mmCIF file of all heavy atoms, coordinates in Angstrom:
data_MODEL
# 
_entry.id   MODEL 
# 
loop_
_atom_site.group_PDB 
_atom_site.id 
_atom_site.type_symbol 
_atom_site.label_atom_id 
_atom_site.label_alt_id 
_atom_site.label_comp_id 
_atom_site.label_asym_id 
_atom_site.label_entity_id 
_atom_site.label_seq_id 
_atom_site.pdbx_PDB_ins_code 
_atom_site.Cartn_x 
_atom_site.Cartn_y 
_atom_site.Cartn_z 
_atom_site.occupancy 
_atom_site.B_iso_or_equiv 
_atom_site.pdbx_formal_charge 
_atom_site.auth_seq_id 
_atom_site.auth_comp_id 
_atom_site.auth_asym_id 
_atom_site.auth_atom_id 
_atom_site.pdbx_PDB_model_num 
ATOM 1   N N   . PRO A 1 1  ? 0.841  -1.213  -0.006 1.00 0.00 ? 1  PRO A N   1 
ATOM 2   C CA  . PRO A 1 1  ? -0.001 -0.007  0.000  1.00 0.00 ? 1  PRO A CA  1 
ATOM 3   C C   . PRO A 1 1  ? 0.854  1.265   -0.004 1.00 0.00 ? 1  PRO A C   1 
ATOM 4   O O   . PRO A 1 1  ? 2.044  1.253   0.328  1.00 0.00 ? 1  PRO A O   1 
ATOM 5   C CB  . PRO A 1 1  ? -0.789 -0.129  1.313  1.00 0.00 ? 1  PRO A CB  1 
ATOM 6   C CG  . PRO A 1 1  ? -0.708 -1.550  1.720  1.00 0.00 ? 1  PRO A CG  1 
ATOM 7   C CD  . PRO A 1 1  ? 0.578  -2.061  1.169  1.00 0.00 ? 1  PRO A CD  1 
ATOM 8   N N   . ASP A 1 2  ? 0.228  2.382   -0.351 1.00 0.00 ? 2  ASP A N   1 
ATOM 9   C CA  . ASP A 1 2  ? 0.915  3.668   -0.326 1.00 0.00 ? 2  ASP A CA  1 
ATOM 10  C C   . ASP A 1 2  ? 1.453  3.948   1.063  1.00 0.00 ? 2  ASP A C   1 
ATOM 11  O O   . ASP A 1 2  ? 0.819  3.613   2.076  1.00 0.00 ? 2  ASP A O   1 
ATOM 12  C CB  . ASP A 1 2  ? -0.044 4.801   -0.730 1.00 0.00 ? 2  ASP A CB  1 
ATOM 13  C CG  . ASP A 1 2  ? -0.367 4.771   -2.212 1.00 0.00 ? 2  ASP A CG  1 
ATOM 14  O OD1 . ASP A 1 2  ? 0.396  4.128   -2.960 1.00 0.00 ? 2  ASP A OD1 1 
ATOM 15  O OD2 . ASP A 1 2  ? -1.389 5.377   -2.599 1.00 0.00 ? 2  ASP A OD2 1 
ATOM 16  N N   . GLY A 1 3  ? 2.628  4.561   1.113  1.00 0.00 ? 3  GLY A N   1 
ATOM 17  C CA  . GLY A 1 3  ? 3.240  4.888   2.383  1.00 0.00 ? 3  GLY A CA  1 
ATOM 18  C C   . GLY A 1 3  ? 4.299  3.936   2.839  1.00 0.00 ? 3  GLY A C   1 
ATOM 19  O O   . GLY A 1 3  ? 5.113  4.208   3.695  1.00 0.00 ? 3  GLY A O   1 
ATOM 20  N N   . TRP A 1 4  ? 4.293  2.699   2.268  1.00 0.00 ? 4  TRP A N   1 
ATOM 21  C CA  . TRP A 1 4  ? 5.325  1.726   2.580  1.00 0.00 ? 4  TRP A CA  1 
ATOM 22  C C   . TRP A 1 4  ? 6.558  2.040   1.734  1.00 0.00 ? 4  TRP A C   1 
ATOM 23  O O   . TRP A 1 4  ? 6.448  2.369   0.554  1.00 0.00 ? 4  TRP A O   1 
ATOM 24  C CB  . TRP A 1 4  ? 4.838  0.311   2.272  1.00 0.00 ? 4  TRP A CB  1 
ATOM 25  C CG  . TRP A 1 4  ? 3.874  -0.247  3.277  1.00 0.00 ? 4  TRP A CG  1 
ATOM 26  C CD1 . TRP A 1 4  ? 2.608  0.212   3.499  1.00 0.00 ? 4  TRP A CD1 1 
ATOM 27  C CD2 . TRP A 1 4  ? 4.087  -1.366  4.137  1.00 0.00 ? 4  TRP A CD2 1 
ATOM 28  N NE1 . TRP A 1 4  ? 2.016  -0.551  4.479  1.00 0.00 ? 4  TRP A NE1 1 
ATOM 29  C CE2 . TRP A 1 4  ? 2.892  -1.531  4.861  1.00 0.00 ? 4  TRP A CE2 1 
ATOM 30  C CE3 . TRP A 1 4  ? 5.162  -2.242  4.351  1.00 0.00 ? 4  TRP A CE3 1 
ATOM 31  C CZ2 . TRP A 1 4  ? 2.753  -2.548  5.816  1.00 0.00 ? 4  TRP A CZ2 1 
ATOM 32  C CZ3 . TRP A 1 4  ? 4.996  -3.255  5.293  1.00 0.00 ? 4  TRP A CZ3 1 
ATOM 33  C CH2 . TRP A 1 4  ? 3.818  -3.416  6.028  1.00 0.00 ? 4  TRP A CH2 1 
ATOM 34  N N   . THR A 1 5  ? 7.721  1.911   2.328  1.00 0.00 ? 5  THR A N   1 
ATOM 35  C CA  . THR A 1 5  ? 8.971  2.102   1.599  1.00 0.00 ? 5  THR A CA  1 
ATOM 36  C C   . THR A 1 5  ? 9.949  0.993   1.932  1.00 0.00 ? 5  THR A C   1 
ATOM 37  O O   . THR A 1 5  ? 9.727  0.204   2.870  1.00 0.00 ? 5  THR A O   1 
ATOM 38  C CB  . THR A 1 5  ? 9.644  3.467   1.979  1.00 0.00 ? 5  THR A CB  1 
ATOM 39  O OG1 . THR A 1 5  ? 9.875  3.485   3.391  1.00 0.00 ? 5  THR A OG1 1 
ATOM 40  C CG2 . THR A 1 5  ? 8.769  4.638   1.587  1.00 0.00 ? 5  THR A CG2 1 
ATOM 41  N N   . SER A 1 6  ? 11.003 0.905   1.185  1.00 0.00 ? 6  SER A N   1 
ATOM 42  C CA  . SER A 1 6  ? 12.037 -0.095  1.462  1.00 0.00 ? 6  SER A CA  1 
ATOM 43  C C   . SER A 1 6  ? 13.393 0.608   1.570  1.00 0.00 ? 6  SER A C   1 
ATOM 44  O O   . SER A 1 6  ? 13.742 1.387   0.721  1.00 0.00 ? 6  SER A O   1 
ATOM 45  C CB  . SER A 1 6  ? 12.087 -1.111  0.315  1.00 0.00 ? 6  SER A CB  1 
ATOM 46  O OG  . SER A 1 6  ? 13.163 -2.010  0.533  1.00 0.00 ? 6  SER A OG  1 
ATOM 47  N N   . ASN A 1 7  ? 14.107 0.309   2.685  1.00 0.00 ? 7  ASN A N   1 
ATOM 48  C CA  . ASN A 1 7  ? 15.378 0.996   2.826  1.00 0.00 ? 7  ASN A CA  1 
ATOM 49  C C   . ASN A 1 7  ? 16.559 0.145   2.385  1.00 0.00 ? 7  ASN A C   1 
ATOM 50  O O   . ASN A 1 7  ? 17.678 0.610   2.334  1.00 0.00 ? 7  ASN A O   1 
ATOM 51  C CB  . ASN A 1 7  ? 15.568 1.517   4.239  1.00 0.00 ? 7  ASN A CB  1 
ATOM 52  C CG  . ASN A 1 7  ? 15.430 0.432   5.297  1.00 0.00 ? 7  ASN A CG  1 
ATOM 53  O OD1 . ASN A 1 7  ? 15.228 -0.720  4.983  1.00 0.00 ? 7  ASN A OD1 1 
ATOM 54  N ND2 . ASN A 1 7  ? 15.507 0.830   6.555  1.00 0.00 ? 7  ASN A ND2 1 
ATOM 55  N N   . TYR A 1 8  ? 16.332 -1.146  2.080  1.00 0.00 ? 8  TYR A N   1 
ATOM 56  C CA  . TYR A 1 8  ? 17.378 -1.936  1.441  1.00 0.00 ? 8  TYR A CA  1 
ATOM 57  C C   . TYR A 1 8  ? 16.780 -3.205  0.833  1.00 0.00 ? 8  TYR A C   1 
ATOM 58  O O   . TYR A 1 8  ? 15.709 -3.655  1.227  1.00 0.00 ? 8  TYR A O   1 
ATOM 59  C CB  . TYR A 1 8  ? 18.481 -2.320  2.434  1.00 0.00 ? 8  TYR A CB  1 
ATOM 60  C CG  . TYR A 1 8  ? 18.091 -3.373  3.478  1.00 0.00 ? 8  TYR A CG  1 
ATOM 61  C CD1 . TYR A 1 8  ? 18.194 -4.738  3.209  1.00 0.00 ? 8  TYR A CD1 1 
ATOM 62  C CD2 . TYR A 1 8  ? 17.634 -2.989  4.728  1.00 0.00 ? 8  TYR A CD2 1 
ATOM 63  C CE1 . TYR A 1 8  ? 17.841 -5.685  4.161  1.00 0.00 ? 8  TYR A CE1 1 
ATOM 64  C CE2 . TYR A 1 8  ? 17.264 -3.924  5.673  1.00 0.00 ? 8  TYR A CE2 1 
ATOM 65  C CZ  . TYR A 1 8  ? 17.368 -5.261  5.395  1.00 0.00 ? 8  TYR A CZ  1 
ATOM 66  O OH  . TYR A 1 8  ? 17.020 -6.213  6.321  1.00 0.00 ? 8  TYR A OH  1 
ATOM 67  N N   . ALA A 1 9  ? 17.458 -3.724  -0.157 1.00 0.00 ? 9  ALA A N   1 
ATOM 68  C CA  . ALA A 1 9  ? 17.105 -4.998  -0.785 1.00 0.00 ? 9  ALA A CA  1 
ATOM 69  C C   . ALA A 1 9  ? 18.420 -5.564  -1.292 1.00 0.00 ? 9  ALA A C   1 
ATOM 70  O O   . ALA A 1 9  ? 19.188 -4.872  -1.955 1.00 0.00 ? 9  ALA A O   1 
ATOM 71  C CB  . ALA A 1 9  ? 16.125 -4.782  -1.927 1.00 0.00 ? 9  ALA A CB  1 
ATOM 72  N N   . ARG A 1 10 ? 18.680 -6.823  -0.955 1.00 0.00 ? 10 ARG A N   1 
ATOM 73  C CA  . ARG A 1 10 ? 20.000 -7.383  -1.330 1.00 0.00 ? 10 ARG A CA  1 
ATOM 74  C C   . ARG A 1 10 ? 19.958 -8.908  -1.450 1.00 0.00 ? 10 ARG A C   1 
ATOM 75  O O   . ARG A 1 10 ? 19.155 -9.578  -0.780 1.00 0.00 ? 10 ARG A O   1 
ATOM 76  C CB  . ARG A 1 10 ? 21.067 -6.968  -0.332 1.00 0.00 ? 10 ARG A CB  1 
ATOM 77  C CG  . ARG A 1 10 ? 20.816 -7.467  1.062  1.00 0.00 ? 10 ARG A CG  1 
ATOM 78  C CD  . ARG A 1 10 ? 21.866 -7.019  2.055  1.00 0.00 ? 10 ARG A CD  1 
ATOM 79  N NE  . ARG A 1 10 ? 21.475 -7.277  3.425  1.00 0.00 ? 10 ARG A NE  1 
ATOM 80  C CZ  . ARG A 1 10 ? 21.424 -6.390  4.392  1.00 0.00 ? 10 ARG A CZ  1 
ATOM 81  N NH1 . ARG A 1 10 ? 21.755 -5.138  4.134  1.00 0.00 ? 10 ARG A NH1 1 
ATOM 82  N NH2 . ARG A 1 10 ? 21.049 -6.728  5.606  1.00 0.00 ? 10 ARG A NH2 1 
ATOM 83  N N   . TRP A 1 11 ? 20.834 -9.407  -2.285 1.00 0.00 ? 11 TRP A N   1 
ATOM 84  C CA  . TRP A 1 11 ? 21.017 -10.857 -2.434 1.00 0.00 ? 11 TRP A CA  1 
ATOM 85  C C   . TRP A 1 11 ? 22.270 -11.213 -1.631 1.00 0.00 ? 11 TRP A C   1 
ATOM 86  O O   . TRP A 1 11 ? 23.334 -10.601 -1.804 1.00 0.00 ? 11 TRP A O   1 
ATOM 87  C CB  . TRP A 1 11 ? 21.191 -11.227 -3.882 1.00 0.00 ? 11 TRP A CB  1 
ATOM 88  C CG  . TRP A 1 11 ? 21.616 -12.662 -4.068 1.00 0.00 ? 11 TRP A CG  1 
ATOM 89  C CD1 . TRP A 1 11 ? 22.822 -13.137 -4.453 1.00 0.00 ? 11 TRP A CD1 1 
ATOM 90  C CD2 . TRP A 1 11 ? 20.803 -13.818 -3.816 1.00 0.00 ? 11 TRP A CD2 1 
ATOM 91  N NE1 . TRP A 1 11 ? 22.830 -14.501 -4.488 1.00 0.00 ? 11 TRP A NE1 1 
ATOM 92  C CE2 . TRP A 1 11 ? 21.587 -14.962 -4.069 1.00 0.00 ? 11 TRP A CE2 1 
ATOM 93  C CE3 . TRP A 1 11 ? 19.481 -14.000 -3.381 1.00 0.00 ? 11 TRP A CE3 1 
ATOM 94  C CZ2 . TRP A 1 11 ? 21.105 -16.258 -3.932 1.00 0.00 ? 11 TRP A CZ2 1 
ATOM 95  C CZ3 . TRP A 1 11 ? 19.009 -15.305 -3.233 1.00 0.00 ? 11 TRP A CZ3 1 
ATOM 96  C CH2 . TRP A 1 11 ? 19.807 -16.400 -3.514 1.00 0.00 ? 11 TRP A CH2 1 
ATOM 97  N N   . ASP A 1 12 ? 22.144 -12.174 -0.731 1.00 0.00 ? 12 ASP A N   1 
ATOM 98  C CA  . ASP A 1 12 ? 23.274 -12.665 0.062  1.00 0.00 ? 12 ASP A CA  1 
ATOM 99  C C   . ASP A 1 12 ? 23.561 -14.107 -0.393 1.00 0.00 ? 12 ASP A C   1 
ATOM 100 O O   . ASP A 1 12 ? 22.718 -14.978 -0.271 1.00 0.00 ? 12 ASP A O   1 
ATOM 101 C CB  . ASP A 1 12 ? 22.904 -12.640 1.558  1.00 0.00 ? 12 ASP A CB  1 
ATOM 102 C CG  . ASP A 1 12 ? 24.011 -13.140 2.465  1.00 0.00 ? 12 ASP A CG  1 
ATOM 103 O OD1 . ASP A 1 12 ? 24.968 -13.781 1.972  1.00 0.00 ? 12 ASP A OD1 1 
ATOM 104 O OD2 . ASP A 1 12 ? 23.920 -12.943 3.684  1.00 0.00 ? 12 ASP A OD2 1 
ATOM 105 N N   . SER A 1 13 ? 24.729 -14.314 -0.951 1.00 0.00 ? 13 SER A N   1 
ATOM 106 C CA  . SER A 1 13 ? 25.069 -15.627 -1.531 1.00 0.00 ? 13 SER A CA  1 
ATOM 107 C C   . SER A 1 13 ? 25.265 -16.706 -0.489 1.00 0.00 ? 13 SER A C   1 
ATOM 108 O O   . SER A 1 13 ? 25.488 -17.888 -0.837 1.00 0.00 ? 13 SER A O   1 
ATOM 109 C CB  . SER A 1 13 ? 26.309 -15.502 -2.420 1.00 0.00 ? 13 SER A CB  1 
ATOM 110 O OG  . SER A 1 13 ? 27.410 -15.058 -1.629 1.00 0.00 ? 13 SER A OG  1 
ATOM 111 N N   . GLY A 1 14 ? 25.235 -16.362 0.798  1.00 0.00 ? 14 GLY A N   1 
ATOM 112 C CA  . GLY A 1 14 ? 25.319 -17.373 1.835  1.00 0.00 ? 14 GLY A CA  1 
ATOM 113 C C   . GLY A 1 14 ? 26.718 -17.796 2.202  1.00 0.00 ? 14 GLY A C   1 
ATOM 114 O O   . GLY A 1 14 ? 26.930 -18.885 2.749  1.00 0.00 ? 14 GLY A O   1 
ATOM 115 N N   . VAL A 1 15 ? 27.693 -16.966 1.893  1.00 0.00 ? 15 VAL A N   1 
ATOM 116 C CA  . VAL A 1 15 ? 29.091 -17.306 2.203  1.00 0.00 ? 15 VAL A CA  1 
ATOM 117 C C   . VAL A 1 15 ? 29.255 -17.567 3.718  1.00 0.00 ? 15 VAL A C   1 
ATOM 118 O O   . VAL A 1 15 ? 29.929 -18.531 4.119  1.00 0.00 ? 15 VAL A O   1 
ATOM 119 C CB  . VAL A 1 15 ? 30.040 -16.175 1.753  1.00 0.00 ? 15 VAL A CB  1 
ATOM 120 C CG1 . VAL A 1 15 ? 31.464 -16.436 2.247  1.00 0.00 ? 15 VAL A CG1 1 
ATOM 121 C CG2 . VAL A 1 15 ? 30.011 -16.027 0.253  1.00 0.00 ? 15 VAL A CG2 1 
ATOM 122 N N   . ASN A 1 16 ? 28.637 -16.763 4.546  1.00 0.00 ? 16 ASN A N   1 
ATOM 123 C CA  . ASN A 1 16 ? 28.801 -16.938 6.012  1.00 0.00 ? 16 ASN A CA  1 
ATOM 124 C C   . ASN A 1 16 ? 27.827 -17.954 6.598  1.00 0.00 ? 16 ASN A C   1 
ATOM 125 O O   . ASN A 1 16 ? 28.211 -18.747 7.460  1.00 0.00 ? 16 ASN A O   1 
ATOM 126 C CB  . ASN A 1 16 ? 28.597 -15.576 6.700  1.00 0.00 ? 16 ASN A CB  1 
ATOM 127 C CG  . ASN A 1 16 ? 29.693 -14.593 6.356  1.00 0.00 ? 16 ASN A CG  1 
ATOM 128 O OD1 . ASN A 1 16 ? 30.842 -14.973 6.163  1.00 0.00 ? 16 ASN A OD1 1 
ATOM 129 N ND2 . ASN A 1 16 ? 29.334 -13.319 6.219  1.00 0.00 ? 16 ASN A ND2 1 
ATOM 130 N N   . SER A 1 17 ? 26.593 -17.923 6.142  1.00 0.00 ? 17 SER A N   1 
ATOM 131 C CA  . SER A 1 17 ? 25.578 -18.805 6.742  1.00 0.00 ? 17 SER A CA  1 
ATOM 132 C C   . SER A 1 17 ? 25.447 -20.154 6.066  1.00 0.00 ? 17 SER A C   1 
ATOM 133 O O   . SER A 1 17 ? 24.915 -21.101 6.640  1.00 0.00 ? 17 SER A O   1 
ATOM 134 C CB  . SER A 1 17 ? 24.197 -18.106 6.709  1.00 0.00 ? 17 SER A CB  1 
ATOM 135 O OG  . SER A 1 17 ? 23.795 -17.958 5.360  1.00 0.00 ? 17 SER A OG  1 
ATOM 136 N N   . GLY A 1 18 ? 25.926 -20.246 4.822  1.00 0.00 ? 18 GLY A N   1 
ATOM 137 C CA  . GLY A 1 18 ? 25.745 -21.484 4.071  1.00 0.00 ? 18 GLY A CA  1 
ATOM 138 C C   . GLY A 1 18 ? 24.403 -21.583 3.380  1.00 0.00 ? 18 GLY A C   1 
ATOM 139 O O   . GLY A 1 18 ? 24.117 -22.551 2.680  1.00 0.00 ? 18 GLY A O   1 
ATOM 140 N N   . VAL A 1 19 ? 23.557 -20.554 3.584  1.00 0.00 ? 19 VAL A N   1 
ATOM 141 C CA  . VAL A 1 19 ? 22.224 -20.531 2.973  1.00 0.00 ? 19 VAL A CA  1 
ATOM 142 C C   . VAL A 1 19 ? 22.067 -19.208 2.216  1.00 0.00 ? 19 VAL A C   1 
ATOM 143 O O   . VAL A 1 19 ? 22.040 -18.145 2.824  1.00 0.00 ? 19 VAL A O   1 
ATOM 144 C CB  . VAL A 1 19 ? 21.115 -20.664 4.054  1.00 0.00 ? 19 VAL A CB  1 
ATOM 145 C CG1 . VAL A 1 19 ? 19.741 -20.561 3.415  1.00 0.00 ? 19 VAL A CG1 1 
ATOM 146 C CG2 . VAL A 1 19 ? 21.269 -21.975 4.825  1.00 0.00 ? 19 VAL A CG2 1 
ATOM 147 N N   . PRO A 1 20 ? 21.975 -19.275 0.882  1.00 0.00 ? 20 PRO A N   1 
ATOM 148 C CA  . PRO A 1 20 ? 21.768 -18.046 0.100  1.00 0.00 ? 20 PRO A CA  1 
ATOM 149 C C   . PRO A 1 20 ? 20.363 -17.479 0.359  1.00 0.00 ? 20 PRO A C   1 
ATOM 150 O O   . PRO A 1 20 ? 19.400 -18.233 0.339  1.00 0.00 ? 20 PRO A O   1 
ATOM 151 C CB  . PRO A 1 20 ? 21.992 -18.457 -1.341 1.00 0.00 ? 20 PRO A CB  1 
ATOM 152 C CG  . PRO A 1 20 ? 21.807 -19.946 -1.336 1.00 0.00 ? 20 PRO A CG  1 
ATOM 153 C CD  . PRO A 1 20 ? 22.099 -20.453 0.018  1.00 0.00 ? 20 PRO A CD  1 
ATOM 154 N N   . VAL A 1 21 ? 20.279 -16.162 0.555  1.00 0.00 ? 21 VAL A N   1 
ATOM 155 C CA  . VAL A 1 21 ? 18.988 -15.590 0.869  1.00 0.00 ? 21 VAL A CA  1 
ATOM 156 C C   . VAL A 1 21 ? 18.778 -14.248 0.156  1.00 0.00 ? 21 VAL A C   1 
ATOM 157 O O   . VAL A 1 21 ? 19.717 -13.551 -0.214 1.00 0.00 ? 21 VAL A O   1 
ATOM 158 C CB  . VAL A 1 21 ? 18.820 -15.309 2.402  1.00 0.00 ? 21 VAL A CB  1 
ATOM 159 C CG1 . VAL A 1 21 ? 18.865 -16.603 3.182  1.00 0.00 ? 21 VAL A CG1 1 
ATOM 160 C CG2 . VAL A 1 21 ? 19.876 -14.358 2.918  1.00 0.00 ? 21 VAL A CG2 1 
ATOM 161 N N   . TRP A 1 22 ? 17.505 -13.900 -0.020 1.00 0.00 ? 22 TRP A N   1 
ATOM 162 C CA  . TRP A 1 22 ? 17.063 -12.599 -0.502 1.00 0.00 ? 22 TRP A CA  1 
ATOM 163 C C   . TRP A 1 22 ? 16.502 -11.873 0.717  1.00 0.00 ? 22 TRP A C   1 
ATOM 164 O O   . TRP A 1 22 ? 15.699 -12.414 1.453  1.00 0.00 ? 22 TRP A O   1 
ATOM 165 C CB  . TRP A 1 22 ? 16.000 -12.802 -1.572 1.00 0.00 ? 22 TRP A CB  1 
ATOM 166 C CG  . TRP A 1 22 ? 15.251 -11.568 -1.974 1.00 0.00 ? 22 TRP A CG  1 
ATOM 167 C CD1 . TRP A 1 22 ? 13.934 -11.320 -1.754 1.00 0.00 ? 22 TRP A CD1 1 
ATOM 168 C CD2 . TRP A 1 22 ? 15.737 -10.427 -2.694 1.00 0.00 ? 22 TRP A CD2 1 
ATOM 169 N NE1 . TRP A 1 22 ? 13.561 -10.101 -2.296 1.00 0.00 ? 22 TRP A NE1 1 
ATOM 170 C CE2 . TRP A 1 22 ? 14.677 -9.534  -2.878 1.00 0.00 ? 22 TRP A CE2 1 
ATOM 171 C CE3 . TRP A 1 22 ? 17.001 -10.093 -3.177 1.00 0.00 ? 22 TRP A CE3 1 
ATOM 172 C CZ2 . TRP A 1 22 ? 14.832 -8.317  -3.519 1.00 0.00 ? 22 TRP A CZ2 1 
ATOM 173 C CZ3 . TRP A 1 22 ? 17.144 -8.871  -3.834 1.00 0.00 ? 22 TRP A CZ3 1 
ATOM 174 C CH2 . TRP A 1 22 ? 16.081 -8.002  -4.007 1.00 0.00 ? 22 TRP A CH2 1 
ATOM 175 N N   . GLU A 1 23 ? 16.961 -10.620 0.910  1.00 0.00 ? 23 GLU A N   1 
ATOM 176 C CA  . GLU A 1 23 ? 16.534 -9.858  2.080  1.00 0.00 ? 23 GLU A CA  1 
ATOM 177 C C   . GLU A 1 23 ? 16.032 -8.492  1.657  1.00 0.00 ? 23 GLU A C   1 
ATOM 178 O O   . GLU A 1 23 ? 16.642 -7.841  0.778  1.00 0.00 ? 23 GLU A O   1 
ATOM 179 C CB  . GLU A 1 23 ? 17.684 -9.633  3.053  1.00 0.00 ? 23 GLU A CB  1 
ATOM 180 C CG  . GLU A 1 23 ? 18.204 -10.884 3.702  1.00 0.00 ? 23 GLU A CG  1 
ATOM 181 C CD  . GLU A 1 23 ? 19.372 -10.633 4.632  1.00 0.00 ? 23 GLU A CD  1 
ATOM 182 O OE1 . GLU A 1 23 ? 20.273 -9.807  4.250  1.00 0.00 ? 23 GLU A OE1 1 
ATOM 183 O OE2 . GLU A 1 23 ? 19.389 -11.167 5.733  1.00 0.00 ? 23 GLU A OE2 1 
ATOM 184 N N   . VAL A 1 24 ? 14.950 -8.043  2.273  1.00 0.00 ? 24 VAL A N   1 
ATOM 185 C CA  . VAL A 1 24 ? 14.408 -6.704  2.025  1.00 0.00 ? 24 VAL A CA  1 
ATOM 186 C C   . VAL A 1 24 ? 13.986 -6.126  3.364  1.00 0.00 ? 24 VAL A C   1 
ATOM 187 O O   . VAL A 1 24 ? 13.382 -6.822  4.196  1.00 0.00 ? 24 VAL A O   1 
ATOM 188 C CB  . VAL A 1 24 ? 13.180 -6.742  1.080  1.00 0.00 ? 24 VAL A CB  1 
ATOM 189 C CG1 . VAL A 1 24 ? 12.744 -5.328  0.741  1.00 0.00 ? 24 VAL A CG1 1 
ATOM 190 C CG2 . VAL A 1 24 ? 13.486 -7.529  -0.200 1.00 0.00 ? 24 VAL A CG2 1 
# 
C-alpha cells in the first residue's frame, strides 16, 4: 500500500551462513 517504503534490498550468496537468501 501507499506509504510503505524499502530501505534496502539485497542478495546474500550465503558465504557466512551457508544458505543463500534474498533480504528486504
